[in-house]
């Protein structure tokens, strides 16, 4: 892995921990937005631009805006503190588990673009989708066939998330939705 990947991983872990530890709502929302943006960059680095775009739009964009609009429309307690008392033993145990898991898993990951990675070493799977997409689904575009037919439930789930985010945005902004 490159130095960029390690820096990005540290950033993502730091923002995840900060999101869990902060008690000030505004600070938590801002750090969570940064976490989502870091995840979107990670997905781009791992050559998953569709997932990266969804994470950036929904996670870093819509969710952050909805949460900020929500706290702007509600009363914020004046006693919010940035951090409450931290349970050091619990943080140490969870931190040790994360370090152990990362130490075990990260060396086993294939480098991005590694020709020996399973996705590249078995071209039969890719070739199957290219050759049989039309026959199996009746859709002329192979990418559309994979998204609509082979990954239909996953695509449906993503569509539900986007729809829910849109409806939530309209509700928070107090606009009527005409069906």
N, C-alpha and C. Protein backbone atom coordinates (compact mmCIF):
# COMPACT_ATOMS: atom_id res chain seq x y z
N UNK A 1 0.84 -1.19 0.00
CA UNK A 1 0.00 0.00 0.00
C UNK A 1 0.88 1.24 0.00
N UNK A 2 0.36 2.31 -0.58
CA UNK A 2 1.12 3.54 -0.67
C UNK A 2 1.00 4.34 0.63
N UNK A 3 1.85 5.36 0.74
CA UNK A 3 1.81 6.22 1.92
C UNK A 3 0.46 6.95 1.98
N UNK A 4 -0.09 7.29 0.82
CA UNK A 4 -1.40 7.95 0.78
C UNK A 4 -2.47 7.07 1.42
N UNK A 5 -2.44 5.78 1.13
CA UNK A 5 -3.44 4.87 1.68
C UNK A 5 -3.33 4.80 3.21
N UNK A 6 -2.11 4.78 3.71
CA UNK A 6 -1.93 4.74 5.17
C UNK A 6 -2.40 6.04 5.82
N UNK A 7 -2.07 7.16 5.21
CA UNK A 7 -2.53 8.45 5.75
C UNK A 7 -4.05 8.52 5.72
N UNK A 8 -4.64 8.06 4.63
CA UNK A 8 -6.10 8.05 4.52
C UNK A 8 -6.73 7.13 5.57
N UNK A 9 -6.14 5.97 5.79
CA UNK A 9 -6.66 5.05 6.80
C UNK A 9 -6.59 5.67 8.20
N UNK A 10 -5.48 6.34 8.50
CA UNK A 10 -5.35 7.01 9.80
C UNK A 10 -6.40 8.12 9.94
N UNK A 11 -6.60 8.88 8.86
CA UNK A 11 -7.61 9.94 8.88
C UNK A 11 -9.00 9.36 9.14
N UNK A 12 -9.34 8.28 8.45
CA UNK A 12 -10.66 7.67 8.60
C UNK A 12 -10.84 7.14 10.03
N UNK A 13 -9.82 6.47 10.55
CA UNK A 13 -9.91 5.97 11.93
C UNK A 13 -10.03 7.11 12.94
N UNK A 14 -9.25 8.18 12.73
CA UNK A 14 -9.29 9.31 13.65
C UNK A 14 -10.66 9.98 13.64
N UNK A 15 -11.24 10.17 12.46
CA UNK A 15 -12.56 10.80 12.40
C UNK A 15 -13.64 9.88 12.95
N UNK A 16 -13.49 8.57 12.77
CA UNK A 16 -14.47 7.64 13.34
C UNK A 16 -14.42 7.68 14.87
N UNK A 17 -13.23 7.68 15.42
CA UNK A 17 -13.09 7.75 16.88
C UNK A 17 -13.61 9.09 17.41
N UNK A 18 -13.27 10.17 16.72
CA UNK A 18 -13.73 11.49 17.15
C UNK A 18 -15.25 11.57 17.10
N UNK A 19 -15.86 10.99 16.06
CA UNK A 19 -17.32 10.99 15.97
C UNK A 19 -17.94 10.27 17.15
N UNK A 20 -17.32 9.18 17.57
CA UNK A 20 -17.86 8.41 18.69
C UNK A 20 -17.63 9.11 20.03
N UNK A 21 -16.54 9.86 20.16
CA UNK A 21 -16.20 10.44 21.46
C UNK A 21 -16.77 11.84 21.68
N UNK A 22 -16.95 12.63 20.62
CA UNK A 22 -17.44 14.00 20.78
C UNK A 22 -18.85 13.99 21.33
N UNK A 23 -19.16 14.93 22.20
CA UNK A 23 -20.49 15.05 22.78
C UNK A 23 -21.21 16.29 22.25
N UNK A 24 -20.48 17.22 21.67
CA UNK A 24 -21.09 18.39 21.06
C UNK A 24 -21.67 17.98 19.72
N UNK A 25 -22.96 18.20 19.53
CA UNK A 25 -23.66 17.71 18.35
C UNK A 25 -23.08 18.30 17.06
N UNK A 26 -22.85 19.60 17.05
CA UNK A 26 -22.32 20.25 15.85
C UNK A 26 -20.94 19.69 15.48
N UNK A 27 -20.08 19.53 16.46
CA UNK A 27 -18.75 18.97 16.19
C UNK A 27 -18.85 17.55 15.65
N UNK A 28 -19.75 16.76 16.22
CA UNK A 28 -19.93 15.39 15.76
C UNK A 28 -20.40 15.34 14.31
N UNK A 29 -21.33 16.21 13.94
CA UNK A 29 -21.82 16.23 12.57
C UNK A 29 -20.71 16.62 11.59
N UNK A 30 -19.94 17.60 11.95
CA UNK A 30 -18.86 18.06 11.06
C UNK A 30 -17.81 16.96 10.89
N UNK A 31 -17.43 16.32 11.98
CA UNK A 31 -16.43 15.26 11.90
C UNK A 31 -16.98 14.06 11.15
N UNK A 32 -18.28 13.76 11.33
CA UNK A 32 -18.89 12.66 10.58
C UNK A 32 -18.90 12.95 9.08
N UNK A 33 -19.14 14.20 8.71
CA UNK A 33 -19.06 14.58 7.29
C UNK A 33 -17.66 14.38 6.74
N UNK A 34 -16.65 14.72 7.53
CA UNK A 34 -15.26 14.50 7.11
C UNK A 34 -14.96 13.01 6.98
N UNK A 35 -15.51 12.21 7.91
CA UNK A 35 -15.35 10.76 7.83
C UNK A 35 -15.94 10.22 6.52
N UNK A 36 -17.15 10.66 6.19
CA UNK A 36 -17.80 10.20 4.96
C UNK A 36 -17.00 10.61 3.74
N UNK A 37 -16.47 11.81 3.75
CA UNK A 37 -15.64 12.26 2.64
C UNK A 37 -14.37 11.42 2.53
N UNK A 38 -13.76 11.08 3.68
CA UNK A 38 -12.59 10.19 3.66
C UNK A 38 -12.93 8.82 3.11
N UNK A 39 -14.10 8.30 3.47
CA UNK A 39 -14.52 7.00 2.92
C UNK A 39 -14.74 7.09 1.41
N UNK A 40 -15.30 8.19 0.93
CA UNK A 40 -15.50 8.37 -0.51
C UNK A 40 -14.15 8.38 -1.23
N UNK A 41 -13.17 9.04 -0.65
CA UNK A 41 -11.83 9.05 -1.25
C UNK A 41 -11.23 7.66 -1.23
N UNK A 42 -11.43 6.92 -0.15
CA UNK A 42 -10.93 5.55 -0.07
C UNK A 42 -11.57 4.67 -1.14
N UNK A 43 -12.87 4.79 -1.34
CA UNK A 43 -13.55 4.00 -2.37
C UNK A 43 -13.02 4.36 -3.76
N UNK A 44 -12.72 5.63 -3.98
CA UNK A 44 -12.14 6.03 -5.26
C UNK A 44 -10.76 5.41 -5.42
N UNK A 45 -9.97 5.44 -4.36
CA UNK A 45 -8.63 4.84 -4.38
C UNK A 45 -8.72 3.34 -4.66
N UNK A 46 -9.76 2.68 -4.16
CA UNK A 46 -9.94 1.24 -4.37
C UNK A 46 -10.66 0.92 -5.68
N UNK A 47 -10.78 1.92 -6.55
CA UNK A 47 -11.36 1.77 -7.89
C UNK A 47 -12.84 1.36 -7.84
N UNK A 48 -13.58 1.98 -6.94
CA UNK A 48 -15.03 1.77 -6.86
C UNK A 48 -15.71 3.14 -6.96
N UNK A 49 -15.67 3.75 -8.15
CA UNK A 49 -16.19 5.12 -8.26
C UNK A 49 -17.69 5.23 -8.02
N UNK A 50 -18.47 4.18 -8.33
CA UNK A 50 -19.91 4.25 -8.09
C UNK A 50 -20.21 4.32 -6.60
N UNK A 51 -19.49 3.53 -5.82
CA UNK A 51 -19.68 3.55 -4.36
C UNK A 51 -19.16 4.88 -3.80
N UNK A 52 -18.05 5.37 -4.36
CA UNK A 52 -17.48 6.64 -3.90
C UNK A 52 -18.45 7.80 -4.14
N UNK A 53 -19.07 7.82 -5.32
CA UNK A 53 -20.01 8.89 -5.62
C UNK A 53 -21.23 8.83 -4.71
N UNK A 54 -21.72 7.61 -4.43
CA UNK A 54 -22.86 7.46 -3.54
C UNK A 54 -22.50 7.91 -2.13
N UNK A 55 -21.32 7.53 -1.65
CA UNK A 55 -20.89 7.92 -0.31
C UNK A 55 -20.71 9.44 -0.22
N UNK A 56 -20.12 10.03 -1.25
CA UNK A 56 -19.92 11.49 -1.23
C UNK A 56 -21.25 12.21 -1.27
N UNK A 57 -22.17 11.75 -2.12
CA UNK A 57 -23.45 12.44 -2.26
C UNK A 57 -24.34 12.24 -1.04
N UNK A 58 -24.49 10.99 -0.60
CA UNK A 58 -25.40 10.70 0.50
C UNK A 58 -24.74 10.91 1.85
N UNK A 59 -23.56 10.29 2.06
CA UNK A 59 -22.90 10.36 3.36
C UNK A 59 -22.36 11.73 3.70
N UNK A 60 -21.50 12.26 2.81
CA UNK A 60 -20.87 13.55 3.10
C UNK A 60 -21.76 14.72 2.73
N UNK A 61 -22.66 14.52 1.78
CA UNK A 61 -23.49 15.62 1.32
C UNK A 61 -24.83 15.71 2.01
N UNK A 62 -25.77 14.89 1.55
CA UNK A 62 -27.16 14.99 2.00
C UNK A 62 -27.29 14.75 3.51
N UNK A 63 -26.65 13.71 4.03
CA UNK A 63 -26.78 13.41 5.46
C UNK A 63 -26.24 14.55 6.31
N UNK A 64 -25.10 15.09 5.95
CA UNK A 64 -24.51 16.19 6.71
C UNK A 64 -25.42 17.42 6.66
N UNK A 65 -25.95 17.72 5.49
CA UNK A 65 -26.85 18.87 5.36
C UNK A 65 -28.12 18.66 6.17
N UNK A 66 -28.69 17.45 6.09
CA UNK A 66 -29.91 17.17 6.87
C UNK A 66 -29.66 17.32 8.36
N UNK A 67 -28.55 16.79 8.83
CA UNK A 67 -28.25 16.90 10.26
C UNK A 67 -28.01 18.35 10.67
N UNK A 68 -27.29 19.11 9.84
CA UNK A 68 -27.06 20.52 10.16
C UNK A 68 -28.36 21.31 10.15
N UNK A 69 -29.22 21.05 9.17
CA UNK A 69 -30.53 21.73 9.13
C UNK A 69 -31.38 21.36 10.34
N UNK A 70 -31.29 20.11 10.76
CA UNK A 70 -32.07 19.67 11.91
C UNK A 70 -31.64 20.38 13.18
N UNK A 71 -30.33 20.46 13.42
CA UNK A 71 -29.91 21.15 14.65
C UNK A 71 -30.10 22.65 14.54
N UNK A 72 -30.12 23.19 13.31
CA UNK A 72 -30.37 24.62 13.17
C UNK A 72 -31.81 24.96 13.51
N UNK A 73 -32.72 23.99 13.32
CA UNK A 73 -34.14 24.22 13.58
C UNK A 73 -34.56 23.79 14.99
N UNK A 74 -33.63 23.27 15.77
CA UNK A 74 -33.95 22.86 17.13
C UNK A 74 -33.10 23.66 18.10
N UNK A 75 -33.48 23.63 19.36
CA UNK A 75 -32.72 24.34 20.38
C UNK A 75 -31.49 23.52 20.74
N UNK A 76 -30.38 24.19 20.84
CA UNK A 76 -29.14 23.52 21.21
C UNK A 76 -28.82 23.85 22.66
N UNK A 77 -28.65 22.81 23.49
CA UNK A 77 -28.37 23.07 24.91
C UNK A 77 -27.06 23.85 25.08
N UNK A 78 -27.08 24.80 25.99
CA UNK A 78 -25.89 25.61 26.22
C UNK A 78 -24.83 24.84 26.98
N UNK A 79 -25.18 23.70 27.55
CA UNK A 79 -24.23 22.94 28.36
C UNK A 79 -23.49 21.87 27.57
N UNK A 80 -23.67 21.84 26.25
CA UNK A 80 -22.94 20.85 25.45
C UNK A 80 -21.44 21.02 25.64
N UNK A 81 -20.79 19.95 25.97
CA UNK A 81 -19.33 19.95 26.07
C UNK A 81 -18.78 19.13 24.93
N UNK A 82 -17.57 19.45 24.52
CA UNK A 82 -16.97 18.75 23.39
C UNK A 82 -16.77 17.27 23.73
N UNK A 83 -16.20 17.00 24.88
CA UNK A 83 -15.96 15.62 25.30
C UNK A 83 -16.48 15.42 26.71
N UNK A 84 -17.13 14.31 26.93
CA UNK A 84 -17.52 13.91 28.27
C UNK A 84 -16.38 13.05 28.82
N UNK A 85 -16.59 12.50 30.00
CA UNK A 85 -15.60 11.60 30.56
C UNK A 85 -15.44 10.40 29.65
N UNK A 86 -14.20 10.06 29.34
CA UNK A 86 -13.90 8.95 28.44
C UNK A 86 -13.57 7.72 29.28
N UNK A 87 -14.18 6.61 28.95
CA UNK A 87 -13.90 5.35 29.62
C UNK A 87 -12.62 4.78 29.02
N UNK A 88 -11.49 5.09 29.63
CA UNK A 88 -10.18 4.73 29.08
C UNK A 88 -10.01 3.23 28.87
N UNK A 89 -10.41 2.36 29.80
CA UNK A 89 -10.25 0.92 29.54
C UNK A 89 -11.04 0.45 28.31
N UNK A 90 -12.25 0.96 28.14
CA UNK A 90 -13.05 0.55 26.97
C UNK A 90 -12.40 1.03 25.68
N UNK A 91 -11.92 2.27 25.66
CA UNK A 91 -11.24 2.80 24.47
C UNK A 91 -9.97 2.00 24.19
N UNK A 92 -9.24 1.62 25.23
CA UNK A 92 -8.02 0.84 25.05
C UNK A 92 -8.32 -0.54 24.47
N UNK A 93 -9.36 -1.20 24.96
CA UNK A 93 -9.72 -2.53 24.46
C UNK A 93 -10.16 -2.45 22.99
N UNK A 94 -11.04 -1.50 22.68
CA UNK A 94 -11.50 -1.36 21.30
C UNK A 94 -10.33 -0.97 20.39
N UNK A 95 -9.48 -0.06 20.84
CA UNK A 95 -8.31 0.33 20.06
C UNK A 95 -7.38 -0.84 19.80
N UNK A 96 -7.16 -1.65 20.82
CA UNK A 96 -6.30 -2.82 20.64
C UNK A 96 -6.91 -3.81 19.65
N UNK A 97 -8.21 -4.01 19.72
CA UNK A 97 -8.88 -4.89 18.76
C UNK A 97 -8.75 -4.38 17.33
N UNK A 98 -8.92 -3.08 17.15
CA UNK A 98 -8.79 -2.49 15.81
C UNK A 98 -7.36 -2.66 15.30
N UNK A 99 -6.38 -2.42 16.13
CA UNK A 99 -4.98 -2.58 15.72
C UNK A 99 -4.68 -4.04 15.36
N UNK A 100 -5.17 -4.98 16.16
CA UNK A 100 -4.94 -6.40 15.88
C UNK A 100 -5.61 -6.79 14.56
N UNK A 101 -6.84 -6.37 14.36
CA UNK A 101 -7.54 -6.70 13.12
C UNK A 101 -6.85 -6.09 11.90
N UNK A 102 -6.45 -4.83 12.01
CA UNK A 102 -5.76 -4.18 10.88
C UNK A 102 -4.42 -4.84 10.61
N UNK A 103 -3.71 -5.22 11.66
CA UNK A 103 -2.42 -5.89 11.48
C UNK A 103 -2.60 -7.24 10.80
N UNK A 104 -3.69 -7.91 11.08
CA UNK A 104 -3.94 -9.22 10.47
C UNK A 104 -4.47 -9.11 9.05
N UNK A 105 -5.32 -8.12 8.79
CA UNK A 105 -6.01 -8.05 7.50
C UNK A 105 -5.25 -7.27 6.44
N UNK A 106 -4.70 -6.12 6.79
CA UNK A 106 -4.09 -5.26 5.78
C UNK A 106 -2.97 -5.92 4.98
N UNK A 107 -2.08 -6.70 5.60
CA UNK A 107 -1.03 -7.34 4.78
C UNK A 107 -1.57 -8.36 3.77
N UNK A 108 -2.77 -8.88 4.02
CA UNK A 108 -3.36 -9.88 3.13
C UNK A 108 -4.10 -9.26 1.95
N UNK A 109 -4.30 -7.95 1.98
CA UNK A 109 -5.03 -7.30 0.89
C UNK A 109 -4.14 -7.19 -0.34
N UNK A 110 -4.76 -7.33 -1.49
CA UNK A 110 -4.04 -7.17 -2.75
C UNK A 110 -3.85 -5.69 -3.02
N UNK A 111 -2.75 -5.35 -3.65
CA UNK A 111 -2.51 -3.97 -4.04
C UNK A 111 -3.50 -3.60 -5.15
N UNK A 112 -3.84 -2.33 -5.23
CA UNK A 112 -4.76 -1.87 -6.26
C UNK A 112 -4.13 -2.12 -7.63
N UNK A 113 -4.86 -2.84 -8.49
CA UNK A 113 -4.36 -3.14 -9.84
C UNK A 113 -3.43 -4.33 -9.92
N UNK A 114 -3.25 -5.06 -8.83
CA UNK A 114 -2.36 -6.22 -8.82
C UNK A 114 -2.91 -7.29 -9.77
N UNK A 115 -2.12 -7.71 -10.78
CA UNK A 115 -2.62 -8.70 -11.74
C UNK A 115 -2.88 -10.07 -11.12
N UNK A 116 -2.35 -10.34 -9.94
CA UNK A 116 -2.60 -11.63 -9.30
C UNK A 116 -3.84 -11.61 -8.40
N UNK A 117 -4.51 -10.46 -8.30
CA UNK A 117 -5.73 -10.37 -7.51
C UNK A 117 -6.80 -11.25 -8.15
N UNK A 118 -7.68 -11.85 -7.35
CA UNK A 118 -8.67 -12.78 -7.89
C UNK A 118 -9.54 -12.20 -9.01
N UNK A 119 -9.86 -10.92 -8.92
CA UNK A 119 -10.72 -10.33 -9.95
C UNK A 119 -10.01 -10.31 -11.30
N UNK A 120 -8.70 -10.20 -11.32
CA UNK A 120 -7.95 -10.16 -12.58
C UNK A 120 -7.49 -11.55 -13.00
N UNK A 121 -7.26 -12.41 -12.03
CA UNK A 121 -6.72 -13.73 -12.36
C UNK A 121 -7.79 -14.68 -12.90
N UNK A 122 -9.07 -14.31 -12.80
CA UNK A 122 -10.13 -15.15 -13.33
C UNK A 122 -10.97 -14.33 -14.32
N UNK A 123 -10.47 -14.16 -15.55
CA UNK A 123 -11.19 -13.33 -16.52
C UNK A 123 -12.47 -13.99 -17.02
N UNK A 124 -12.68 -15.28 -16.70
CA UNK A 124 -13.89 -15.96 -17.16
C UNK A 124 -15.16 -15.31 -16.62
N UNK A 125 -15.11 -14.82 -15.39
CA UNK A 125 -16.30 -14.21 -14.79
C UNK A 125 -16.66 -12.94 -15.56
N UNK A 126 -15.68 -12.08 -15.76
CA UNK A 126 -15.93 -10.84 -16.51
C UNK A 126 -16.41 -11.15 -17.92
N UNK A 127 -15.76 -12.09 -18.55
CA UNK A 127 -16.12 -12.45 -19.92
C UNK A 127 -17.54 -13.01 -19.99
N UNK A 128 -17.94 -13.74 -18.96
CA UNK A 128 -19.30 -14.28 -18.93
C UNK A 128 -20.33 -13.14 -18.98
N UNK A 129 -20.13 -12.13 -18.15
CA UNK A 129 -21.08 -11.02 -18.12
C UNK A 129 -21.09 -10.27 -19.45
N UNK A 130 -19.92 -10.08 -20.04
CA UNK A 130 -19.85 -9.37 -21.32
C UNK A 130 -20.58 -10.16 -22.41
N UNK A 131 -20.37 -11.47 -22.46
CA UNK A 131 -20.94 -12.29 -23.52
C UNK A 131 -22.43 -12.61 -23.32
N UNK A 132 -22.88 -12.74 -22.07
CA UNK A 132 -24.23 -13.23 -21.81
C UNK A 132 -25.20 -12.19 -21.26
N UNK A 133 -24.76 -10.95 -21.12
CA UNK A 133 -25.64 -9.94 -20.52
C UNK A 133 -26.93 -9.78 -21.31
N UNK A 134 -26.84 -9.72 -22.63
CA UNK A 134 -28.05 -9.52 -23.43
C UNK A 134 -28.96 -10.74 -23.39
N UNK A 135 -28.37 -11.93 -23.53
CA UNK A 135 -29.19 -13.15 -23.53
C UNK A 135 -29.89 -13.36 -22.19
N UNK A 136 -29.19 -13.10 -21.10
CA UNK A 136 -29.76 -13.33 -19.77
C UNK A 136 -30.81 -12.29 -19.39
N UNK A 137 -30.61 -11.04 -19.82
CA UNK A 137 -31.46 -9.95 -19.32
C UNK A 137 -32.28 -9.26 -20.39
N UNK A 138 -31.83 -9.31 -21.64
CA UNK A 138 -32.50 -8.58 -22.71
C UNK A 138 -32.09 -7.12 -22.78
N UNK A 139 -31.14 -6.72 -21.97
CA UNK A 139 -30.66 -5.34 -21.95
C UNK A 139 -29.39 -5.26 -22.81
N UNK A 140 -29.33 -4.27 -23.71
CA UNK A 140 -28.21 -4.17 -24.64
C UNK A 140 -26.93 -3.67 -23.98
N UNK A 141 -27.03 -2.83 -22.98
CA UNK A 141 -25.85 -2.26 -22.32
C UNK A 141 -25.42 -3.20 -21.18
N UNK A 142 -24.16 -3.66 -21.24
CA UNK A 142 -23.68 -4.63 -20.24
C UNK A 142 -23.67 -4.05 -18.83
N UNK A 143 -23.29 -2.77 -18.68
CA UNK A 143 -23.26 -2.15 -17.35
C UNK A 143 -24.67 -2.07 -16.78
N UNK A 144 -25.62 -1.65 -17.59
CA UNK A 144 -27.01 -1.58 -17.14
C UNK A 144 -27.54 -2.96 -16.80
N UNK A 145 -27.17 -3.95 -17.59
CA UNK A 145 -27.62 -5.32 -17.32
C UNK A 145 -27.11 -5.81 -15.97
N UNK A 146 -25.85 -5.54 -15.69
CA UNK A 146 -25.29 -5.98 -14.40
C UNK A 146 -25.98 -5.25 -13.25
N UNK A 147 -26.16 -3.93 -13.38
CA UNK A 147 -26.78 -3.16 -12.29
C UNK A 147 -28.25 -3.50 -12.11
N UNK A 148 -28.96 -3.70 -13.21
CA UNK A 148 -30.41 -3.91 -13.12
C UNK A 148 -30.80 -5.36 -12.87
N UNK A 149 -30.04 -6.30 -13.41
CA UNK A 149 -30.45 -7.70 -13.32
C UNK A 149 -29.61 -8.49 -12.33
N UNK A 150 -28.31 -8.52 -12.55
CA UNK A 150 -27.46 -9.35 -11.69
C UNK A 150 -27.35 -8.77 -10.28
N UNK A 151 -27.35 -7.44 -10.15
CA UNK A 151 -27.25 -6.79 -8.85
C UNK A 151 -28.53 -6.04 -8.55
N UNK A 152 -29.66 -6.58 -8.94
CA UNK A 152 -30.94 -5.89 -8.83
C UNK A 152 -31.32 -5.49 -7.41
N UNK A 153 -31.15 -6.40 -6.45
CA UNK A 153 -31.52 -6.07 -5.07
C UNK A 153 -30.62 -4.99 -4.50
N UNK A 154 -29.33 -5.05 -4.83
CA UNK A 154 -28.40 -4.03 -4.37
C UNK A 154 -28.76 -2.67 -4.96
N UNK A 155 -29.04 -2.65 -6.26
CA UNK A 155 -29.42 -1.40 -6.92
C UNK A 155 -30.74 -0.88 -6.36
N UNK A 156 -31.69 -1.77 -6.08
CA UNK A 156 -32.96 -1.35 -5.47
C UNK A 156 -32.70 -0.72 -4.10
N UNK A 157 -31.83 -1.34 -3.32
CA UNK A 157 -31.49 -0.78 -2.00
C UNK A 157 -30.89 0.61 -2.11
N UNK A 158 -29.99 0.80 -3.08
CA UNK A 158 -29.39 2.12 -3.28
C UNK A 158 -30.45 3.14 -3.70
N UNK A 159 -31.37 2.72 -4.55
CA UNK A 159 -32.44 3.63 -4.99
C UNK A 159 -33.33 4.02 -3.81
N UNK A 160 -33.61 3.08 -2.93
CA UNK A 160 -34.42 3.38 -1.74
C UNK A 160 -33.71 4.39 -0.85
N UNK A 161 -32.40 4.24 -0.68
CA UNK A 161 -31.63 5.18 0.14
C UNK A 161 -31.68 6.58 -0.46
N UNK A 162 -31.47 6.68 -1.77
CA UNK A 162 -31.50 7.98 -2.43
C UNK A 162 -32.90 8.60 -2.32
N UNK A 163 -33.95 7.79 -2.52
CA UNK A 163 -35.33 8.29 -2.39
C UNK A 163 -35.60 8.78 -0.97
N UNK A 164 -35.19 7.98 0.02
CA UNK A 164 -35.40 8.37 1.42
C UNK A 164 -34.66 9.66 1.75
N UNK A 165 -33.46 9.81 1.22
CA UNK A 165 -32.69 11.04 1.46
C UNK A 165 -33.40 12.24 0.84
N UNK A 166 -33.95 12.07 -0.35
CA UNK A 166 -34.67 13.16 -1.00
C UNK A 166 -35.92 13.55 -0.24
N UNK A 167 -36.70 12.56 0.18
CA UNK A 167 -37.92 12.83 0.94
C UNK A 167 -37.57 13.50 2.27
N UNK A 168 -36.54 13.02 2.93
CA UNK A 168 -36.13 13.61 4.21
C UNK A 168 -35.71 15.06 4.02
N UNK A 169 -34.99 15.33 2.94
CA UNK A 169 -34.57 16.70 2.66
C UNK A 169 -35.79 17.60 2.49
N UNK A 170 -36.76 17.14 1.72
CA UNK A 170 -37.97 17.93 1.52
C UNK A 170 -38.73 18.14 2.83
N UNK A 171 -38.80 17.12 3.67
CA UNK A 171 -39.49 17.26 4.95
C UNK A 171 -38.79 18.23 5.88
N UNK A 172 -37.46 18.17 5.91
CA UNK A 172 -36.72 19.08 6.77
C UNK A 172 -36.86 20.52 6.28
N UNK A 173 -36.88 20.68 4.98
CA UNK A 173 -37.04 22.03 4.42
C UNK A 173 -38.48 22.51 4.43
N UNK A 174 -39.41 21.65 4.91
CA UNK A 174 -40.83 21.98 5.05
C UNK A 174 -41.47 22.34 3.72
N UNK A 175 -41.17 21.55 2.71
CA UNK A 175 -41.81 21.73 1.41
C UNK A 175 -42.79 20.59 1.20
N UNK A 176 -43.90 20.87 0.56
CA UNK A 176 -44.89 19.84 0.31
C UNK A 176 -44.45 18.99 -0.86
N UNK A 177 -44.76 17.71 -0.76
CA UNK A 177 -44.45 16.77 -1.82
C UNK A 177 -45.77 16.36 -2.46
N UNK A 178 -45.91 16.62 -3.74
CA UNK A 178 -47.10 16.24 -4.47
C UNK A 178 -46.82 14.97 -5.23
N UNK A 179 -47.61 13.96 -4.99
CA UNK A 179 -47.41 12.68 -5.66
C UNK A 179 -48.40 12.55 -6.80
